[in-house]
Protein backbone atom coordinates (compact mmCIF):
# COMPACT_ATOMS: atom_id res chain seq x y z
CA MET A 1 6.46 38.60 -34.44
CA HIS A 2 8.00 41.26 -32.27
CA ALA A 3 11.50 41.01 -30.90
CA ASP A 4 11.35 43.47 -27.98
CA GLY A 5 11.87 40.79 -25.30
CA ASN A 6 8.25 40.70 -24.10
CA PRO A 7 7.04 37.05 -24.13
CA ILE A 8 3.55 38.12 -25.21
CA ASN A 9 5.03 39.89 -28.22
CA ALA A 10 7.03 36.76 -29.08
CA LEU A 11 3.85 34.76 -29.71
CA PRO A 12 3.02 34.03 -33.34
CA GLU A 13 0.27 36.12 -34.89
CA ASP A 14 -0.95 33.26 -37.08
CA PRO A 15 -3.88 31.53 -35.26
CA ALA A 16 -2.86 28.07 -36.52
CA LEU A 17 0.68 28.50 -35.19
CA LEU A 18 -0.65 29.90 -31.93
CA GLN A 19 -3.01 26.94 -31.58
CA ALA A 20 -0.16 24.48 -32.24
CA LEU A 21 1.98 26.25 -29.65
CA LEU A 22 -0.84 26.09 -27.10
CA LEU A 23 -1.48 22.38 -27.78
CA SER A 24 2.22 21.66 -27.36
CA ALA A 25 2.33 23.54 -24.04
CA LEU A 26 -0.77 21.70 -22.79
CA SER A 27 0.75 18.36 -23.78
CA GLU A 28 3.97 19.17 -21.93
CA ARG A 29 1.96 20.19 -18.86
CA ASP A 30 -0.07 16.96 -18.95
CA HIS A 31 3.13 14.94 -19.25
CA ALA A 32 4.65 16.80 -16.29
CA VAL A 33 1.52 16.24 -14.18
CA ALA A 34 1.53 12.51 -14.99
CA GLU A 35 5.23 12.26 -14.19
CA ARG A 36 4.68 14.06 -10.89
CA GLN A 37 1.87 11.67 -9.98
CA ASN A 38 4.11 8.68 -10.76
CA ILE A 39 6.90 10.14 -8.64
CA LEU A 40 4.51 10.78 -5.74
CA ALA A 41 3.14 7.23 -5.99
CA GLU A 42 6.67 5.83 -6.00
CA ARG A 43 7.61 8.03 -3.03
CA ASP A 44 4.57 6.82 -1.09
CA ALA A 45 5.30 3.18 -1.93
CA LEU A 46 8.93 3.58 -0.86
CA ALA A 47 7.87 5.32 2.36
CA GLU A 48 5.55 2.41 3.11
CA GLN A 49 8.32 -0.08 2.38
CA ASN A 50 10.68 1.96 4.57
CA GLU A 51 8.22 1.83 7.47
CA HIS A 52 7.88 -1.93 7.03
CA LEU A 53 11.67 -2.34 7.06
CA LYS A 54 11.97 -0.14 10.16
CA HIS A 55 9.38 -2.34 11.85
CA LEU A 56 11.37 -5.47 10.92
CA VAL A 57 14.59 -3.91 12.22
CA GLN A 58 12.88 -3.04 15.52
CA LYS A 59 11.62 -6.61 15.82
CA LEU A 60 15.04 -8.03 15.04
CA THR A 61 16.69 -5.66 17.51
CA ARG A 62 14.27 -6.74 20.24
CA LEU A 63 14.92 -10.37 19.38
CA LYS A 64 18.66 -9.97 19.36
CA PHE A 65 19.03 -7.73 22.41
CA GLY A 66 15.73 -8.15 24.27
CA ALA A 67 15.05 -10.27 27.34
CA GLN A 68 15.64 -14.01 26.90
CA SER A 69 11.89 -14.72 26.87
CA GLU A 70 11.44 -12.32 23.92
CA ARG A 71 14.12 -13.89 21.74
CA TRP A 72 13.37 -16.02 18.69
CA PRO A 73 15.16 -19.22 17.81
CA GLU A 74 18.20 -18.63 15.55
CA GLY A 75 16.42 -20.10 12.49
CA GLN A 76 13.55 -17.63 12.74
CA LEU A 77 16.00 -14.78 13.22
CA GLN A 78 17.88 -15.82 10.05
CA LEU A 79 14.56 -16.06 8.16
CA ALA A 80 13.61 -12.53 9.21
CA LEU A 81 17.05 -11.23 8.22
CA GLY A 82 16.62 -12.93 4.85
CA ASP A 83 13.32 -11.06 4.37
CA VAL A 84 15.06 -7.75 5.07
CA GLU A 85 17.89 -8.58 2.67
CA THR A 86 15.38 -9.60 -0.02
CA ALA A 87 13.43 -6.35 0.39
CA ILE A 88 16.64 -4.31 0.16
CA ALA A 89 17.77 -6.20 -2.95
CA GLN A 90 14.36 -5.65 -4.59
CA ALA A 91 14.48 -1.94 -3.80
CA GLN A 92 17.98 -1.64 -5.30
CA ASP A 93 16.91 -3.60 -8.39
CA GLU A 94 13.85 -1.37 -8.84
CA LYS A 95 16.06 1.71 -8.50
CA ARG A 96 18.29 0.53 -11.37
CA ASN A 97 15.54 -0.83 -13.67
CA PRO A 98 12.63 1.51 -14.62
CA GLU A 99 10.43 -1.38 -15.81
CA ARG A 100 10.90 -3.25 -12.52
CA ARG A 101 10.20 0.02 -10.68
CA ARG A 102 6.81 0.29 -12.40
CA GLU A 103 6.09 -3.39 -11.65
CA GLY A 104 7.09 -2.88 -8.00
CA ILE A 105 4.86 0.15 -7.67
CA ALA A 106 1.93 -1.76 -9.15
CA ARG A 107 2.62 -4.73 -6.85
CA ARG A 108 2.84 -2.52 -3.74
CA ARG A 109 -0.33 -0.69 -4.72
CA ALA A 110 -2.13 -4.01 -5.14
CA SER A 111 -0.86 -5.35 -1.81
CA GLY A 112 -1.70 -2.05 -0.11
CA ASN A 113 -5.38 -2.56 -0.96
CA ARG A 114 -5.69 -5.63 1.23
CA SER A 115 -6.44 -5.20 4.91
CA ASP A 116 -3.89 -7.18 6.96
CA SER A 117 -3.42 -4.68 9.79
């Protein structure tokens, strides 16, 4: 090996060592790609959940402050608020627990495949 600071010169000359180094670098790259894909999937799932929560907040705002004919009975309003609180609690739990985060992502992916629009 050469020690002149050039990264190419720092590579081992032994083919077996060079192959091991290359395999290690490829493994690290594959791990980074998989981690990035998981992060993007989680981001997308959280963005979808965020949009859903914004929609619920808009509905609740209309119900609370809208015209009398647009308002829901108090029981339905409390039920909708409970749904929002449940979703927030689940999101916080998923944030603290990596296993629950993976389960939540899988659940949201599964529910995202149905067509209820």
